[in-house]
Amino acid sequence: MNFLPEKIEQYSINHSQEEPLILKELTKETWQKIINPRMLSGAFQGRVLSMISKLIQPKNILEIGTYTGYSAICIAEGLAADANIDTIDKNEELVDLQNKYFEKSGYRSKITQHVGLALEIIPTLDKKFDLVFIDADKSNYSNYFHLVIDKMNKGGVILSDNVLWSGKVVENLDPKDQDTKALLEYNTLLNSDNRVETILLPIRDGLTISRVC
């Protein structure tokens, strides 16, 4: 879901860096072959991720939720020379497609894929991160935050996707809607935890930027 008027959003896209060809190809193949292609970050948000990564120039990145690899390639564009991305996804059926485009992107050697549950994998990663992108199951967003916050370098950035959840965060909460409930709790956590300073941007389905103090 997009929250800006269509004409304003299109104007913004038209006056931003164009999506690289490889990502256009990945988008097309995802829509042709993969279930729930709307899970892709999308061209405009992808350029936002790329710009943030380039500004930070992170040495170590953690991505929670690889999907078909679109966002990993975007944030890889800002990696420092000796840097690495650890990206986690539970769906092993997507690994071949991810690899195909990681190879084509030129970032293959900088990306380490982990297949399994992020809650189990994150504690095994013995490193400090400069950038974390959370874009996985919404019910565990707060759990992911608590797992990564002590693994962040000072000044590091945590990006959280889908935090507006198609506008459901400002509607009456359905008691059965566990994802929206979890996101409401997560958004409150980010805005109240004194270890981070946070701004929520109404980009696409909502993107939060949290800087570690």
Protein backbone atom coordinates (compact mmCIF):
# COMPACT_ATOMS: atom_id res chain seq x y z
CA MET A 1 0.00 0.00 0.00
CA ASN A 2 1.19 3.50 -0.83
CA PHE A 3 0.17 6.49 1.26
CA LEU A 4 1.12 9.41 -0.99
CA PRO A 5 -1.19 10.62 -3.78
CA GLU A 6 -0.35 8.73 -6.96
CA LYS A 7 0.81 11.80 -8.88
CA ILE A 8 3.11 12.90 -6.05
CA GLU A 9 4.57 9.43 -5.71
CA GLN A 10 5.18 9.15 -9.44
CA TYR A 11 6.82 12.60 -9.49
CA SER A 12 9.12 11.46 -6.67
CA ILE A 13 10.04 8.33 -8.60
CA ASN A 14 10.65 10.28 -11.80
CA HIS A 15 13.07 12.57 -9.97
CA SER A 16 15.01 9.87 -8.16
CA GLN A 17 17.81 7.57 -9.31
CA GLU A 18 16.54 4.99 -11.75
CA GLU A 19 16.28 1.37 -10.69
CA PRO A 20 19.26 -0.66 -12.02
CA LEU A 21 18.50 -3.06 -14.88
CA ILE A 22 19.39 -6.17 -12.86
CA LEU A 23 16.76 -5.25 -10.27
CA LYS A 24 14.18 -4.73 -13.00
CA GLU A 25 14.98 -8.24 -14.21
CA LEU A 26 14.72 -9.65 -10.69
CA THR A 27 11.38 -7.92 -10.17
CA LYS A 28 10.02 -9.36 -13.42
CA GLU A 29 11.15 -12.90 -12.59
CA THR A 30 9.79 -12.65 -9.05
CA TRP A 31 6.37 -11.62 -10.35
CA GLN A 32 6.44 -14.42 -12.91
CA LYS A 33 7.53 -17.27 -10.66
CA ILE A 34 7.23 -16.55 -6.94
CA ILE A 35 4.27 -16.48 -4.57
CA ASN A 36 3.45 -13.10 -2.97
CA PRO A 37 5.60 -10.92 -5.26
CA ARG A 38 4.30 -7.82 -3.47
CA MET A 39 6.82 -8.69 -0.76
CA LEU A 40 9.52 -7.10 -2.95
CA SER A 41 10.88 -3.82 -1.64
CA GLY A 42 10.07 -2.10 -4.93
CA ALA A 43 12.03 0.37 -7.04
CA PHE A 44 11.58 3.55 -4.99
CA GLN A 45 12.16 1.97 -1.60
CA GLY A 46 15.05 0.03 -3.06
CA ARG A 47 16.73 3.29 -4.01
CA VAL A 48 16.10 4.59 -0.49
CA LEU A 49 17.80 1.49 0.96
CA SER A 50 20.71 1.92 -1.43
CA MET A 51 21.15 5.58 -0.51
CA ILE A 52 21.06 4.90 3.23
CA SER A 53 23.65 2.15 2.81
CA LYS A 54 25.89 4.40 0.72
CA LEU A 55 25.69 7.14 3.36
CA ILE A 56 26.61 4.71 6.15
CA GLN A 57 29.14 2.65 4.15
CA PRO A 58 28.62 -0.30 6.49
CA LYS A 59 31.21 -3.00 7.06
CA ASN A 60 28.75 -5.58 8.37
CA ILE A 61 25.07 -5.79 7.41
CA LEU A 62 22.40 -8.12 8.70
CA GLU A 63 19.22 -8.66 6.71
CA ILE A 64 16.32 -10.52 8.31
CA GLY A 65 14.14 -11.71 5.43
CA THR A 66 15.94 -12.26 2.12
CA TYR A 67 12.95 -13.21 -0.06
CA THR A 68 14.30 -13.17 -3.65
CA GLY A 69 17.30 -10.97 -2.87
CA TYR A 70 16.14 -7.57 -4.11
CA SER A 71 16.79 -5.61 -0.93
CA ALA A 72 20.09 -7.42 -0.28
CA ILE A 73 21.40 -6.21 -3.63
CA CYS A 74 20.20 -2.67 -2.89
CA ILE A 75 21.97 -2.43 0.44
CA ALA A 76 25.05 -4.16 -0.96
CA GLU A 77 25.57 -1.10 -3.16
CA GLY A 78 26.85 0.81 -0.13
CA LEU A 79 29.15 -1.84 1.32
CA ALA A 80 32.66 -0.90 2.32
CA ALA A 81 35.44 -2.66 0.38
CA ASP A 82 36.01 -5.42 2.96
CA ALA A 83 32.36 -5.72 4.00
CA ASN A 84 29.82 -8.52 4.18
CA ILE A 85 26.06 -9.09 4.34
CA ASP A 86 24.52 -11.87 6.38
CA THR A 87 21.01 -12.46 5.09
CA ILE A 88 18.50 -14.86 6.62
CA ASP A 89 15.39 -16.51 5.20
CA LYS A 90 13.54 -19.65 6.20
CA ASN A 91 12.45 -20.55 2.65
CA GLU A 92 15.12 -22.77 1.10
CA GLU A 93 13.19 -22.89 -2.18
CA LEU A 94 14.27 -19.30 -2.89
CA VAL A 95 18.02 -19.91 -2.57
CA ASP A 96 18.64 -20.70 -6.26
CA LEU A 97 16.90 -17.53 -7.43
CA GLN A 98 18.74 -15.47 -4.85
CA ASN A 99 22.05 -16.94 -6.00
CA LYS A 100 21.28 -16.25 -9.64
CA TYR A 101 20.92 -12.55 -9.03
CA PHE A 102 23.64 -12.27 -6.40
CA GLU A 103 26.02 -13.62 -9.05
CA LYS A 104 24.72 -11.24 -11.71
CA SER A 105 24.97 -8.28 -9.32
CA GLY A 106 28.68 -8.76 -8.67
CA TYR A 107 28.12 -8.93 -4.90
CA ARG A 108 28.08 -12.74 -4.60
CA SER A 109 31.33 -12.89 -2.61
CA LYS A 110 30.06 -10.33 -0.11
CA ILE A 111 26.75 -12.05 0.67
CA THR A 112 26.41 -14.94 3.12
CA GLN A 113 23.05 -16.71 2.98
CA HIS A 114 21.54 -18.41 6.01
CA VAL A 115 18.53 -20.69 5.64
CA GLY A 116 16.47 -21.23 8.77
CA LEU A 117 14.81 -19.37 11.61
CA ALA A 118 16.28 -15.96 12.31
CA LEU A 119 15.57 -16.29 16.04
CA GLU A 120 17.97 -19.26 16.09
CA ILE A 121 20.56 -17.95 13.62
CA ILE A 122 21.08 -14.40 14.92
CA PRO A 123 22.57 -15.49 18.28
CA THR A 124 25.20 -17.53 16.39
CA LEU A 125 26.51 -14.51 14.48
CA ASP A 126 29.60 -13.34 16.35
CA LYS A 127 30.04 -9.85 14.91
CA LYS A 128 28.94 -6.25 15.28
CA PHE A 129 26.66 -4.70 12.67
CA ASP A 130 26.53 -1.22 11.17
CA LEU A 131 23.24 -1.77 9.37
CA VAL A 132 20.33 -4.14 10.01
CA PHE A 133 17.26 -4.46 7.78
CA ILE A 134 14.24 -6.17 9.34
CA ASP A 135 11.68 -7.37 6.80
CA ALA A 136 10.35 -10.73 7.95
CA ASP A 137 7.47 -12.11 10.03
CA LYS A 138 5.87 -9.16 11.80
CA SER A 139 5.03 -11.08 14.96
CA ASN A 140 8.75 -11.33 15.78
CA TYR A 141 9.87 -7.77 15.02
CA SER A 142 10.31 -6.93 18.72
CA ASN A 143 12.18 -10.19 19.28
CA TYR A 144 14.51 -9.40 16.39
CA PHE A 145 15.18 -5.95 17.81
CA HIS A 146 16.10 -7.36 21.20
CA LEU A 147 18.43 -9.89 19.54
CA VAL A 148 20.28 -7.36 17.38
CA ILE A 149 20.47 -4.25 19.57
CA ASP A 150 23.50 -5.49 21.51
CA LYS A 151 25.16 -6.56 18.26
CA MET A 152 25.03 -3.02 16.83
CA ASN A 153 27.95 -0.63 16.61
CA LYS A 154 27.34 2.82 18.03
CA GLY A 155 25.86 4.98 15.30
CA GLY A 156 24.61 1.90 13.49
CA VAL A 157 21.19 1.90 11.85
CA ILE A 158 18.26 -0.50 12.11
CA LEU A 159 15.78 -0.28 9.24
CA SER A 160 12.31 -1.81 9.72
CA ASP A 161 9.92 -2.39 6.84
CA ASN A 162 6.10 -2.55 6.70
CA VAL A 163 5.65 -0.64 9.96
CA LEU A 164 2.43 1.02 8.74
CA TRP A 165 0.98 -2.32 7.64
CA SER A 166 -1.42 -1.01 4.98
CA GLY A 167 -2.66 1.63 7.42
CA LYS A 168 -3.93 -0.93 9.92
CA VAL A 169 -1.80 0.62 12.68
CA VAL A 170 -4.20 3.59 12.86
CA GLU A 171 -7.43 1.59 12.58
CA ASN A 172 -9.43 -0.15 15.31
CA LEU A 173 -7.49 -3.27 16.23
CA ASP A 174 -9.09 -6.60 15.45
CA PRO A 175 -8.27 -8.80 18.48
CA LYS A 176 -7.49 -11.65 16.09
CA ASP A 177 -4.98 -9.60 14.08
CA GLN A 178 -1.73 -10.62 15.72
CA ASP A 179 0.53 -9.00 13.08
CA THR A 180 -0.95 -5.54 13.56
CA LYS A 181 -0.83 -5.94 17.34
CA ALA A 182 2.84 -6.92 17.12
CA LEU A 183 3.66 -3.94 14.90
CA LEU A 184 1.89 -1.52 17.23
CA GLU A 185 3.99 -2.85 20.09
CA TYR A 186 7.14 -2.70 17.97
CA ASN A 187 6.58 0.88 16.85
CA THR A 188 6.05 1.90 20.46
CA LEU A 189 9.22 0.04 21.47
CA LEU A 190 11.35 1.83 18.89
CA ASN A 191 10.02 5.22 19.90
CA SER A 192 10.53 4.64 23.64
CA ASP A 193 13.79 2.68 23.87
CA ASN A 194 16.53 5.14 24.86
CA ARG A 195 19.16 3.08 23.05
CA VAL A 196 17.91 4.31 19.68
CA GLU A 197 16.54 7.46 18.09
CA THR A 198 13.82 6.73 15.56
CA ILE A 199 11.97 8.30 12.67
CA LEU A 200 9.11 6.59 10.83
CA LEU A 201 8.84 7.45 7.16
CA PRO A 202 5.59 6.92 5.18
CA ILE A 203 7.50 5.35 2.29
CA ARG A 204 5.61 2.53 0.58
CA ASP A 205 4.22 0.53 3.53
CA GLY A 206 6.21 2.42 6.15
CA LEU A 207 9.98 2.37 6.79
CA THR A 208 11.49 3.13 10.18
CA ILE A 209 15.05 4.37 10.59
CA SER A 210 16.47 3.79 14.07
CA ARG A 211 19.96 5.04 14.91
CA VAL A 212 21.84 3.43 17.78
CA CYS A 213 22.87 6.08 20.30
